């Protein structure tokens, strides 16, 4: 009779290995500047400070329209970008695979559209956007954490760790800037922005 075969099986394929590339919790003194290597661009006025630190969060400035801030991370594939949407505002969200040259202003974005809808758009030249996926019938609550995972042309969107949609988008796969966008004179707020490499 065999007792205690010790059949310990490790299912490593079910655990995603992460390597932190960049993280900002914005836990610093209130300032009109974000600091920490963030860059700015607004389609209205160009290179202005469109986001600042307020009460340990990234806060958009309500006088700007179609403004974005971004960070060069050196990574564009096999990655996850996450941010807490502390305060939702229509047309505000995460940008990823953004061109380093702000005048080109090409990127992909995940933005809130209304209280129940998120949308993924491809941008060329800052204003020529094409919707590539719409996620409807959601419950959007301040404090939600949204994540974008990019592997080649496949993009997966998660809300609080729950997969909400998958889409294929080949553009911008070599662009290594990622960040936040705020549009339409709205006072959006974000926190805990991270970029991670995933195995």
N, C-alpha and C. Protein backbone atom coordinates (compact mmCIF):
# COMPACT_ATOMS: atom_id res chain seq x y z
N UNK A 1 0.84 -1.18 0.00
CA UNK A 1 0.00 0.00 0.00
C UNK A 1 0.88 1.24 0.00
N UNK A 2 0.51 2.20 -0.86
CA UNK A 2 1.27 3.43 -0.95
C UNK A 2 0.57 4.52 -0.15
N UNK A 3 1.32 5.17 0.68
CA UNK A 3 0.76 6.24 1.52
C UNK A 3 1.51 7.53 1.22
N UNK A 4 0.74 8.62 1.03
CA UNK A 4 1.37 9.95 0.86
C UNK A 4 2.29 10.02 -0.33
N UNK A 5 1.74 9.95 -1.50
CA UNK A 5 2.57 10.00 -2.70
C UNK A 5 3.23 11.36 -2.91
N UNK A 6 2.75 12.39 -2.23
CA UNK A 6 3.35 13.73 -2.37
C UNK A 6 3.19 14.29 -3.77
N UNK A 7 2.00 14.17 -4.28
CA UNK A 7 1.74 14.67 -5.63
C UNK A 7 1.47 16.17 -5.59
N UNK A 8 2.50 16.94 -5.45
CA UNK A 8 2.36 18.40 -5.44
C UNK A 8 2.57 18.95 -6.83
N UNK A 9 1.54 19.47 -7.43
CA UNK A 9 1.64 19.99 -8.79
C UNK A 9 1.53 21.50 -8.75
N UNK A 10 2.46 22.17 -9.37
CA UNK A 10 2.45 23.63 -9.42
C UNK A 10 1.97 24.06 -10.80
N UNK A 11 0.89 24.81 -10.84
CA UNK A 11 0.34 25.29 -12.10
C UNK A 11 0.83 26.72 -12.35
N UNK A 12 2.08 26.85 -12.76
CA UNK A 12 2.67 28.18 -12.93
C UNK A 12 2.03 28.96 -14.08
N UNK A 13 1.40 28.27 -15.01
CA UNK A 13 0.77 28.97 -16.14
C UNK A 13 -0.41 29.82 -15.71
N UNK A 14 -0.94 29.57 -14.52
CA UNK A 14 -2.12 30.29 -14.07
C UNK A 14 -1.77 31.56 -13.29
N UNK A 15 -0.49 31.79 -13.05
CA UNK A 15 -0.06 32.96 -12.30
C UNK A 15 0.72 33.88 -13.22
N UNK A 16 0.27 35.11 -13.37
CA UNK A 16 0.98 36.06 -14.21
C UNK A 16 2.15 36.65 -13.42
N UNK A 17 3.32 36.58 -14.00
CA UNK A 17 4.48 37.16 -13.35
C UNK A 17 4.57 38.62 -13.79
N UNK A 18 4.77 39.50 -12.82
CA UNK A 18 4.78 40.92 -13.09
C UNK A 18 6.15 41.52 -12.75
N UNK A 19 6.56 42.49 -13.53
CA UNK A 19 7.75 43.27 -13.23
C UNK A 19 7.35 44.74 -13.30
N UNK A 20 7.48 45.43 -12.18
CA UNK A 20 7.08 46.83 -12.12
C UNK A 20 8.05 47.68 -12.94
N UNK A 21 7.50 48.45 -13.87
CA UNK A 21 8.29 49.35 -14.71
C UNK A 21 8.19 50.78 -14.20
N UNK A 22 6.98 51.21 -13.86
CA UNK A 22 6.76 52.57 -13.38
C UNK A 22 5.53 52.59 -12.49
N UNK A 23 5.62 53.36 -11.40
CA UNK A 23 4.47 53.52 -10.51
C UNK A 23 4.47 54.93 -9.95
N UNK A 24 3.28 55.51 -9.88
CA UNK A 24 3.13 56.82 -9.25
C UNK A 24 1.85 56.81 -8.43
N UNK A 25 2.00 57.02 -7.13
CA UNK A 25 0.85 57.10 -6.22
C UNK A 25 0.49 58.55 -5.92
N UNK A 26 1.28 59.51 -6.43
CA UNK A 26 1.04 60.95 -6.29
C UNK A 26 1.00 61.39 -4.83
N UNK A 27 1.67 60.66 -3.97
CA UNK A 27 1.73 61.00 -2.54
C UNK A 27 2.82 62.02 -2.30
N UNK A 28 2.53 63.25 -2.70
CA UNK A 28 3.47 64.34 -2.50
C UNK A 28 2.70 65.65 -2.34
N UNK A 29 3.43 66.70 -2.08
CA UNK A 29 2.84 68.01 -1.81
C UNK A 29 2.03 68.48 -3.01
N UNK A 30 0.89 69.11 -2.73
CA UNK A 30 0.07 69.68 -3.81
C UNK A 30 0.91 70.59 -4.68
N UNK A 31 0.71 70.45 -6.02
CA UNK A 31 1.51 71.23 -6.95
C UNK A 31 0.79 71.33 -8.28
N UNK A 32 1.01 72.42 -9.00
CA UNK A 32 0.45 72.55 -10.34
C UNK A 32 1.19 71.66 -11.33
N UNK A 33 2.32 71.10 -10.92
CA UNK A 33 3.09 70.19 -11.75
C UNK A 33 3.02 68.78 -11.17
N UNK A 34 3.01 67.78 -12.05
CA UNK A 34 3.03 66.40 -11.56
C UNK A 34 4.42 65.96 -11.13
N UNK A 35 5.46 66.46 -11.82
CA UNK A 35 6.80 65.99 -11.52
C UNK A 35 6.97 64.53 -11.93
N UNK A 36 7.99 63.88 -11.42
CA UNK A 36 8.23 62.45 -11.61
C UNK A 36 8.30 62.05 -13.09
N UNK A 37 8.76 62.96 -13.94
CA UNK A 37 8.97 62.64 -15.35
C UNK A 37 7.75 62.73 -16.24
N UNK A 38 6.61 63.18 -15.70
CA UNK A 38 5.41 63.31 -16.53
C UNK A 38 5.57 64.47 -17.52
N UNK A 39 5.05 64.28 -18.74
CA UNK A 39 5.04 65.31 -19.76
C UNK A 39 3.60 65.66 -20.09
N UNK A 40 3.39 66.84 -20.70
CA UNK A 40 2.04 67.34 -20.93
C UNK A 40 1.82 67.71 -22.39
N UNK A 41 0.57 67.60 -22.81
CA UNK A 41 0.18 68.18 -24.09
C UNK A 41 -1.32 68.42 -24.11
N UNK A 42 -1.73 69.58 -24.62
CA UNK A 42 -3.14 69.91 -24.79
C UNK A 42 -3.36 70.32 -26.23
N UNK A 43 -4.42 69.80 -26.84
CA UNK A 43 -4.70 70.17 -28.22
C UNK A 43 -5.12 71.64 -28.34
N UNK A 44 -5.50 72.25 -27.23
CA UNK A 44 -5.89 73.66 -27.27
C UNK A 44 -4.69 74.60 -27.24
N UNK A 45 -3.77 74.34 -26.30
CA UNK A 45 -2.72 75.32 -26.06
C UNK A 45 -1.32 74.72 -26.09
N UNK A 46 -1.18 73.47 -26.52
CA UNK A 46 0.14 72.89 -26.63
C UNK A 46 0.72 72.44 -25.31
N UNK A 47 1.98 72.79 -25.08
CA UNK A 47 2.72 72.26 -23.94
C UNK A 47 2.43 73.07 -22.68
N UNK A 48 1.35 72.75 -22.05
CA UNK A 48 1.05 73.43 -20.80
C UNK A 48 0.84 72.39 -19.70
N UNK A 49 0.85 72.83 -18.48
CA UNK A 49 0.65 71.92 -17.35
C UNK A 49 -0.84 71.65 -17.21
N UNK A 50 -1.27 70.52 -17.71
CA UNK A 50 -2.69 70.20 -17.77
C UNK A 50 -3.17 69.35 -16.61
N UNK A 51 -2.24 68.83 -15.82
CA UNK A 51 -2.57 68.04 -14.64
C UNK A 51 -1.64 68.44 -13.51
N UNK A 52 -2.13 68.30 -12.30
CA UNK A 52 -1.30 68.58 -11.14
C UNK A 52 -1.58 67.58 -10.04
N UNK A 53 -0.88 67.74 -8.92
CA UNK A 53 -1.10 66.90 -7.75
C UNK A 53 -1.99 67.65 -6.77
N UNK A 54 -3.08 67.02 -6.35
CA UNK A 54 -4.00 67.62 -5.39
C UNK A 54 -4.49 66.54 -4.45
N UNK A 55 -4.23 66.71 -3.17
CA UNK A 55 -4.64 65.73 -2.15
C UNK A 55 -4.23 64.31 -2.52
N UNK A 56 -2.95 64.16 -2.89
CA UNK A 56 -2.35 62.87 -3.20
C UNK A 56 -3.01 62.16 -4.37
N UNK A 57 -3.52 62.93 -5.33
CA UNK A 57 -4.10 62.37 -6.55
C UNK A 57 -3.66 63.21 -7.75
N UNK A 58 -3.74 62.60 -8.93
CA UNK A 58 -3.55 63.35 -10.17
C UNK A 58 -4.88 64.03 -10.48
N UNK A 59 -4.86 65.34 -10.62
CA UNK A 59 -6.10 66.09 -10.86
C UNK A 59 -5.97 66.89 -12.15
N UNK A 60 -6.97 66.77 -13.03
CA UNK A 60 -6.96 67.56 -14.25
C UNK A 60 -7.36 69.00 -13.93
N UNK A 61 -6.95 69.89 -14.78
CA UNK A 61 -7.32 71.29 -14.62
C UNK A 61 -8.53 71.56 -15.49
N UNK A 62 -9.58 72.06 -14.91
CA UNK A 62 -10.87 72.13 -15.60
C UNK A 62 -10.88 73.14 -16.75
N UNK A 63 -9.85 73.95 -16.89
CA UNK A 63 -9.84 74.92 -17.98
C UNK A 63 -9.28 74.33 -19.27
N UNK A 64 -8.86 73.08 -19.26
CA UNK A 64 -8.25 72.49 -20.45
C UNK A 64 -9.22 71.55 -21.16
N UNK A 65 -8.98 71.37 -22.44
CA UNK A 65 -9.78 70.46 -23.25
C UNK A 65 -8.85 69.51 -23.99
N UNK A 66 -9.21 68.23 -24.05
CA UNK A 66 -8.41 67.23 -24.75
C UNK A 66 -6.95 67.29 -24.34
N UNK A 67 -6.72 67.30 -23.05
CA UNK A 67 -5.37 67.36 -22.51
C UNK A 67 -4.92 65.98 -22.08
N UNK A 68 -3.63 65.72 -22.28
CA UNK A 68 -3.12 64.46 -21.78
C UNK A 68 -1.73 64.63 -21.18
N UNK A 69 -1.45 63.77 -20.25
CA UNK A 69 -0.13 63.70 -19.65
C UNK A 69 0.37 62.29 -19.83
N UNK A 70 1.65 62.14 -20.02
CA UNK A 70 2.18 60.82 -20.33
C UNK A 70 3.60 60.66 -19.80
N UNK A 71 4.01 59.42 -19.72
CA UNK A 71 5.31 59.08 -19.17
C UNK A 71 5.99 58.10 -20.10
N UNK A 72 7.24 58.38 -20.45
CA UNK A 72 8.04 57.44 -21.22
C UNK A 72 8.42 56.28 -20.30
N UNK A 73 8.12 55.05 -20.73
CA UNK A 73 8.35 53.89 -19.88
C UNK A 73 9.33 52.88 -20.47
N UNK A 74 9.61 52.99 -21.77
CA UNK A 74 10.52 52.06 -22.40
C UNK A 74 9.93 50.71 -22.70
N UNK A 75 8.61 50.56 -22.56
CA UNK A 75 7.95 49.28 -22.81
C UNK A 75 6.66 49.52 -23.58
N UNK A 76 6.37 48.62 -24.52
CA UNK A 76 5.16 48.79 -25.32
C UNK A 76 4.40 47.48 -25.53
N UNK A 77 4.98 46.35 -25.13
CA UNK A 77 4.33 45.07 -25.38
C UNK A 77 4.48 44.18 -24.14
N UNK A 78 3.60 43.18 -24.06
CA UNK A 78 3.57 42.31 -22.88
C UNK A 78 3.57 43.15 -21.62
N UNK A 79 2.58 44.01 -21.53
CA UNK A 79 2.53 44.96 -20.42
C UNK A 79 1.10 45.17 -19.95
N UNK A 80 1.02 45.68 -18.73
CA UNK A 80 -0.27 46.06 -18.15
C UNK A 80 -0.15 47.48 -17.61
N UNK A 81 -1.12 48.31 -17.98
CA UNK A 81 -1.22 49.67 -17.46
C UNK A 81 -2.47 49.72 -16.60
N UNK A 82 -2.36 50.25 -15.39
CA UNK A 82 -3.51 50.34 -14.49
C UNK A 82 -3.59 51.72 -13.88
N UNK A 83 -4.82 52.14 -13.58
CA UNK A 83 -5.03 53.40 -12.87
C UNK A 83 -6.34 53.34 -12.12
N UNK A 84 -6.36 53.96 -10.97
CA UNK A 84 -7.60 54.11 -10.22
C UNK A 84 -8.31 55.36 -10.72
N UNK A 85 -9.58 55.20 -11.10
CA UNK A 85 -10.40 56.34 -11.51
C UNK A 85 -11.06 56.90 -10.25
N UNK A 86 -10.34 57.76 -9.56
CA UNK A 86 -10.82 58.30 -8.29
C UNK A 86 -12.12 59.08 -8.47
N UNK A 87 -12.16 59.89 -9.52
CA UNK A 87 -13.37 60.63 -9.88
C UNK A 87 -13.55 60.51 -11.39
N UNK A 88 -14.63 59.84 -11.79
CA UNK A 88 -14.92 59.71 -13.21
C UNK A 88 -15.32 61.05 -13.79
N UNK A 89 -14.97 61.25 -15.04
CA UNK A 89 -15.46 62.40 -15.81
C UNK A 89 -15.56 61.94 -17.26
N UNK A 90 -16.61 62.34 -17.93
CA UNK A 90 -16.80 61.90 -19.31
C UNK A 90 -15.60 62.23 -20.18
N UNK A 91 -15.21 61.27 -21.00
CA UNK A 91 -14.12 61.40 -21.96
C UNK A 91 -12.74 61.50 -21.29
N UNK A 92 -12.63 60.94 -20.10
CA UNK A 92 -11.34 60.92 -19.42
C UNK A 92 -10.94 59.48 -19.15
N UNK A 93 -9.63 59.21 -19.19
CA UNK A 93 -9.19 57.85 -18.95
C UNK A 93 -7.71 57.63 -19.21
N UNK A 94 -7.37 56.39 -19.56
CA UNK A 94 -6.00 55.95 -19.77
C UNK A 94 -5.63 56.08 -21.25
N UNK A 95 -4.41 56.55 -21.53
CA UNK A 95 -3.88 56.48 -22.88
C UNK A 95 -2.68 55.54 -22.87
N UNK A 96 -2.50 54.83 -23.97
CA UNK A 96 -1.38 53.90 -24.03
C UNK A 96 -0.88 53.78 -25.46
N UNK A 97 0.34 53.26 -25.57
CA UNK A 97 1.01 53.17 -26.87
C UNK A 97 0.93 54.52 -27.59
N UNK A 98 1.35 55.53 -26.85
CA UNK A 98 1.30 56.91 -27.36
C UNK A 98 2.65 57.27 -27.97
N UNK A 99 2.63 58.06 -29.03
CA UNK A 99 3.86 58.50 -29.66
C UNK A 99 4.64 59.40 -28.70
N UNK A 100 5.97 59.28 -28.73
CA UNK A 100 6.80 60.12 -27.88
C UNK A 100 6.77 61.57 -28.34
N UNK A 101 6.54 61.78 -29.62
CA UNK A 101 6.44 63.13 -30.17
C UNK A 101 5.01 63.62 -29.96
N UNK A 102 4.77 64.58 -29.08
CA UNK A 102 3.41 65.03 -28.80
C UNK A 102 2.74 65.69 -29.99
N UNK A 103 3.52 66.18 -30.95
CA UNK A 103 2.91 66.80 -32.11
C UNK A 103 2.29 65.76 -33.04
N UNK A 104 2.80 64.54 -33.01
CA UNK A 104 2.16 63.44 -33.75
C UNK A 104 0.89 63.03 -33.03
N UNK A 105 0.99 62.92 -31.70
CA UNK A 105 -0.18 62.68 -30.84
C UNK A 105 -1.00 61.47 -31.30
N UNK A 106 -0.31 60.38 -31.60
CA UNK A 106 -1.00 59.13 -31.94
C UNK A 106 -0.99 58.23 -30.71
N UNK A 107 -2.09 57.54 -30.48
CA UNK A 107 -2.21 56.73 -29.27
C UNK A 107 -3.48 55.89 -29.33
N UNK A 108 -3.67 55.07 -28.32
CA UNK A 108 -4.92 54.35 -28.09
C UNK A 108 -5.40 54.79 -26.71
N UNK A 109 -6.70 54.92 -26.54
CA UNK A 109 -7.21 55.36 -25.24
C UNK A 109 -8.37 54.50 -24.78
N UNK A 110 -8.50 54.41 -23.46
CA UNK A 110 -9.66 53.81 -22.79
C UNK A 110 -10.30 54.92 -21.99
N UNK A 111 -11.52 55.34 -22.38
CA UNK A 111 -12.13 56.51 -21.73
C UNK A 111 -13.56 56.21 -21.33
N UNK A 112 -13.97 56.87 -20.24
CA UNK A 112 -15.38 56.82 -19.84
C UNK A 112 -16.16 57.76 -20.74
N UNK A 113 -17.33 57.30 -21.18
CA UNK A 113 -18.16 58.10 -22.08
C UNK A 113 -19.38 58.65 -21.33
N UNK A 114 -19.97 57.81 -20.50
CA UNK A 114 -21.06 58.24 -19.63
C UNK A 114 -21.05 57.30 -18.41
N UNK A 115 -22.10 57.30 -17.64
CA UNK A 115 -22.12 56.55 -16.37
C UNK A 115 -22.12 55.04 -16.54
N UNK A 116 -22.32 54.55 -17.78
CA UNK A 116 -22.37 53.10 -17.99
C UNK A 116 -21.51 52.61 -19.16
N UNK A 117 -20.69 53.50 -19.73
CA UNK A 117 -19.98 53.14 -20.96
C UNK A 117 -18.51 53.54 -20.92
N UNK A 118 -17.66 52.60 -21.34
CA UNK A 118 -16.24 52.87 -21.59
C UNK A 118 -15.99 52.58 -23.07
N UNK A 119 -15.00 53.27 -23.62
CA UNK A 119 -14.73 53.12 -25.04
C UNK A 119 -13.22 53.09 -25.29
N UNK A 120 -12.81 52.26 -26.25
CA UNK A 120 -11.42 52.21 -26.69
C UNK A 120 -11.35 52.86 -28.06
N UNK A 121 -10.49 53.87 -28.18
CA UNK A 121 -10.35 54.63 -29.43
C UNK A 121 -8.91 54.61 -29.91
N UNK A 122 -8.74 54.65 -31.22
CA UNK A 122 -7.42 54.85 -31.84
C UNK A 122 -7.35 56.30 -32.28
N UNK A 123 -6.24 56.97 -31.94
CA UNK A 123 -6.07 58.39 -32.26
C UNK A 123 -4.91 58.58 -33.24
N UNK A 124 -5.12 59.43 -34.22
CA UNK A 124 -4.06 59.81 -35.14
C UNK A 124 -4.09 61.33 -35.25
N UNK A 125 -2.99 61.96 -34.90
CA UNK A 125 -2.93 63.42 -34.97
C UNK A 125 -3.74 64.13 -33.91
N UNK A 126 -4.10 63.41 -32.85
CA UNK A 126 -4.76 64.04 -31.71
C UNK A 126 -6.25 64.14 -31.79
N UNK A 127 -6.81 64.34 -32.99
CA UNK A 127 -8.25 64.55 -33.06
C UNK A 127 -8.98 63.56 -33.96
N UNK A 128 -8.26 62.89 -34.83
CA UNK A 128 -8.89 61.94 -35.74
C UNK A 128 -8.98 60.58 -35.05
N UNK A 129 -10.01 60.42 -34.23
CA UNK A 129 -10.12 59.18 -33.48
C UNK A 129 -11.16 58.24 -34.11
N UNK A 130 -10.88 56.95 -33.97
CA UNK A 130 -11.77 55.90 -34.47
C UNK A 130 -12.08 54.96 -33.32
N UNK A 131 -13.34 54.72 -33.05
CA UNK A 131 -13.72 53.80 -31.98
C UNK A 131 -13.47 52.37 -32.44
N UNK A 132 -12.74 51.61 -31.63
CA UNK A 132 -12.45 50.22 -31.98
C UNK A 132 -13.16 49.24 -31.03
N UNK A 133 -13.68 49.73 -29.90
CA UNK A 133 -14.47 48.87 -29.02
C UNK A 133 -15.28 49.74 -28.07
N UNK A 134 -16.55 49.37 -27.85
CA UNK A 134 -17.41 50.04 -26.88
C UNK A 134 -17.88 49.01 -25.86
N UNK A 135 -17.72 49.35 -24.58
CA UNK A 135 -18.16 48.50 -23.48
C UNK A 135 -19.35 49.18 -22.82
N UNK A 136 -20.53 48.59 -22.99
CA UNK A 136 -21.77 49.22 -22.50
C UNK A 136 -22.38 48.42 -21.35
N UNK A 137 -23.33 49.05 -20.67
CA UNK A 137 -24.06 48.38 -19.60
C UNK A 137 -23.24 48.14 -18.35
N UNK A 138 -22.22 48.95 -18.14
CA UNK A 138 -21.35 48.81 -16.97
C UNK A 138 -21.88 49.62 -15.80
N UNK A 139 -21.39 49.32 -14.63
CA UNK A 139 -21.60 50.17 -13.46
C UNK A 139 -20.26 50.81 -13.13
N UNK A 140 -20.17 52.11 -13.34
CA UNK A 140 -18.93 52.84 -13.09
C UNK A 140 -19.02 53.55 -11.75
N UNK A 141 -18.11 53.21 -10.85
CA UNK A 141 -18.12 53.76 -9.50
C UNK A 141 -16.77 54.39 -9.22
N UNK A 142 -16.77 55.63 -8.69
CA UNK A 142 -15.52 56.27 -8.33
C UNK A 142 -14.69 55.33 -7.46
N UNK A 143 -13.42 55.19 -7.82
CA UNK A 143 -12.53 54.27 -7.12
C UNK A 143 -12.26 53.00 -7.91
N UNK A 144 -12.96 52.81 -9.04
CA UNK A 144 -12.69 51.64 -9.89
C UNK A 144 -11.25 51.66 -10.37
N UNK A 145 -10.68 50.47 -10.51
CA UNK A 145 -9.35 50.31 -11.08
C UNK A 145 -9.50 49.68 -12.46
N UNK A 146 -9.05 50.41 -13.47
CA UNK A 146 -9.09 49.91 -14.85
C UNK A 146 -7.69 49.53 -15.28
N UNK A 147 -7.59 48.41 -15.99
CA UNK A 147 -6.31 47.93 -16.49
C UNK A 147 -6.40 47.60 -17.96
N UNK A 148 -5.31 47.85 -18.65
CA UNK A 148 -5.18 47.53 -20.07
C UNK A 148 -3.99 46.60 -20.21
N UNK A 149 -4.18 45.44 -20.82
CA UNK A 149 -3.09 44.51 -21.09
C UNK A 149 -2.86 44.44 -22.59
N UNK A 150 -1.61 44.62 -23.00
CA UNK A 150 -1.24 44.60 -24.42
C UNK A 150 -0.26 43.47 -24.69
N UNK A 151 -0.64 42.60 -25.63
CA UNK A 151 0.23 41.54 -26.11
C UNK A 151 0.12 41.54 -27.64
N UNK A 152 1.13 42.06 -28.30
CA UNK A 152 1.02 42.21 -29.75
C UNK A 152 -0.15 43.10 -30.08
N UNK A 153 -0.99 42.66 -31.01
CA UNK A 153 -2.16 43.46 -31.38
C UNK A 153 -3.35 43.22 -30.46
N UNK A 154 -3.26 42.24 -29.56
CA UNK A 154 -4.38 41.95 -28.66
C UNK A 154 -4.37 42.88 -27.45
N UNK A 155 -5.51 43.50 -27.20
CA UNK A 155 -5.66 44.40 -26.06
C UNK A 155 -6.83 43.89 -25.21
N UNK A 156 -6.57 43.69 -23.93
CA UNK A 156 -7.61 43.25 -23.00
C UNK A 156 -7.89 44.36 -22.00
N UNK A 157 -9.16 44.56 -21.69
CA UNK A 157 -9.58 45.62 -20.78
C UNK A 157 -10.22 45.00 -19.54
N UNK A 158 -9.76 45.41 -18.35
CA UNK A 158 -10.26 44.89 -17.09
C UNK A 158 -10.79 46.02 -16.21
N UNK A 159 -11.90 45.76 -15.54
CA UNK A 159 -12.44 46.65 -14.52
C UNK A 159 -12.37 45.91 -13.19
N UNK A 160 -11.59 46.43 -12.25
CA UNK A 160 -11.41 45.79 -10.94
C UNK A 160 -11.06 44.31 -11.07
N UNK A 161 -10.19 44.01 -12.05
CA UNK A 161 -9.72 42.65 -12.24
C UNK A 161 -10.63 41.76 -13.06
N UNK A 162 -11.79 42.27 -13.47
CA UNK A 162 -12.74 41.49 -14.26
C UNK A 162 -12.59 41.86 -15.74
N UNK A 163 -12.37 40.86 -16.59
CA UNK A 163 -12.22 41.11 -18.02
C UNK A 163 -13.52 41.65 -18.59
N UNK A 164 -13.45 42.82 -19.22
CA UNK A 164 -14.63 43.44 -19.81
C UNK A 164 -14.64 43.38 -21.33
N UNK A 165 -13.49 43.17 -21.95
CA UNK A 165 -13.49 43.09 -23.40
C UNK A 165 -12.10 42.87 -23.96
N UNK A 166 -12.05 42.33 -25.17
CA UNK A 166 -10.80 42.09 -25.89
C UNK A 166 -10.97 42.61 -27.31
N UNK A 167 -9.93 43.27 -27.81
CA UNK A 167 -9.98 43.81 -29.16
C UNK A 167 -8.59 43.70 -29.77
N UNK A 168 -8.51 43.60 -31.08
CA UNK A 168 -7.22 43.60 -31.77
C UNK A 168 -7.00 44.95 -32.42
N UNK A 169 -5.85 45.54 -32.12
CA UNK A 169 -5.49 46.86 -32.67
C UNK A 169 -3.98 46.86 -32.92
N UNK A 170 -3.56 46.82 -34.18
CA UNK A 170 -2.13 46.72 -34.49
C UNK A 170 -1.34 48.03 -34.38
N UNK A 171 -2.01 49.17 -34.33
CA UNK A 171 -1.28 50.44 -34.38
C UNK A 171 -0.55 50.72 -33.07
N UNK A 172 0.56 51.43 -33.19
CA UNK A 172 1.29 51.93 -32.03
C UNK A 172 2.03 50.90 -31.22
N UNK A 173 2.29 49.73 -31.76
CA UNK A 173 2.89 48.67 -30.95
C UNK A 173 4.33 48.97 -30.52
N UNK A 174 4.97 49.94 -31.17
CA UNK A 174 6.33 50.30 -30.76
C UNK A 174 6.37 51.55 -29.89
N UNK A 175 5.22 52.18 -29.64
CA UNK A 175 5.18 53.41 -28.85
C UNK A 175 5.24 53.09 -27.36
N UNK A 176 6.13 53.75 -26.63
CA UNK A 176 6.41 53.39 -25.24
C UNK A 176 5.97 54.45 -24.23
N UNK A 177 5.10 55.38 -24.63
CA UNK A 177 4.57 56.37 -23.70
C UNK A 177 3.14 56.00 -23.32
N UNK A 178 2.81 56.15 -22.05
CA UNK A 178 1.48 55.80 -21.55
C UNK A 178 1.09 56.83 -20.50
N UNK A 179 -0.22 57.07 -20.36
CA UNK A 179 -0.62 58.09 -19.39
C UNK A 179 -2.11 58.23 -19.23
N UNK A 180 -2.54 59.49 -19.08
CA UNK A 180 -3.91 59.83 -18.74
C UNK A 180 -4.39 60.93 -19.67
N UNK A 181 -5.69 60.87 -20.03
CA UNK A 181 -6.29 61.92 -20.85
C UNK A 181 -7.51 62.48 -20.12
N UNK A 182 -7.76 63.76 -20.31
CA UNK A 182 -8.95 64.40 -19.75
C UNK A 182 -9.50 65.34 -20.81
N UNK A 183 -10.78 65.24 -21.08
CA UNK A 183 -11.37 66.01 -22.17
C UNK A 183 -12.63 66.74 -21.73
N UNK A 184 -12.98 67.75 -22.48
CA UNK A 184 -14.26 68.41 -22.30
C UNK A 184 -14.40 69.24 -21.05
N UNK A 185 -13.31 69.88 -20.60
CA UNK A 185 -13.36 70.74 -19.42
C UNK A 185 -13.92 70.02 -18.19
N UNK A 186 -13.46 68.80 -17.96
CA UNK A 186 -13.96 68.02 -16.83
C UNK A 186 -12.89 67.88 -15.76
N UNK A 187 -13.34 67.75 -14.53
CA UNK A 187 -12.42 67.66 -13.39
C UNK A 187 -12.24 66.20 -12.98
N UNK A 188 -11.53 65.45 -13.79
CA UNK A 188 -11.27 64.04 -13.47
C UNK A 188 -10.11 63.93 -12.48
N UNK A 189 -10.09 62.78 -11.77
CA UNK A 189 -9.01 62.50 -10.82
C UNK A 189 -8.58 61.05 -10.95
N UNK A 190 -7.27 60.82 -10.80
CA UNK A 190 -6.72 59.49 -10.92
C UNK A 190 -5.70 59.24 -9.82
N UNK A 191 -5.43 57.96 -9.57
CA UNK A 191 -4.45 57.60 -8.56
C UNK A 191 -3.83 56.26 -8.93
N UNK A 192 -2.74 55.93 -8.26
CA UNK A 192 -2.09 54.62 -8.37
C UNK A 192 -1.89 54.19 -9.82
N UNK A 193 -1.19 55.00 -10.59
CA UNK A 193 -0.90 54.69 -11.99
C UNK A 193 0.31 53.77 -12.04
N UNK A 194 0.18 52.63 -12.72
CA UNK A 194 1.28 51.68 -12.81
C UNK A 194 1.43 51.15 -14.23
N UNK A 195 2.66 50.87 -14.59
CA UNK A 195 2.98 50.15 -15.82
C UNK A 195 3.83 48.96 -15.41
N UNK A 196 3.39 47.77 -15.81
CA UNK A 196 4.07 46.54 -15.44
C UNK A 196 4.32 45.69 -16.66
N UNK A 197 5.44 44.98 -16.65
CA UNK A 197 5.71 43.97 -17.66
C UNK A 197 5.09 42.66 -17.19
N UNK A 198 4.40 41.97 -18.11
CA UNK A 198 3.79 40.70 -17.73
C UNK A 198 4.39 39.60 -18.58
N UNK A 199 4.56 38.43 -17.96
CA UNK A 199 5.15 37.28 -18.65
C UNK A 199 4.14 36.67 -19.61
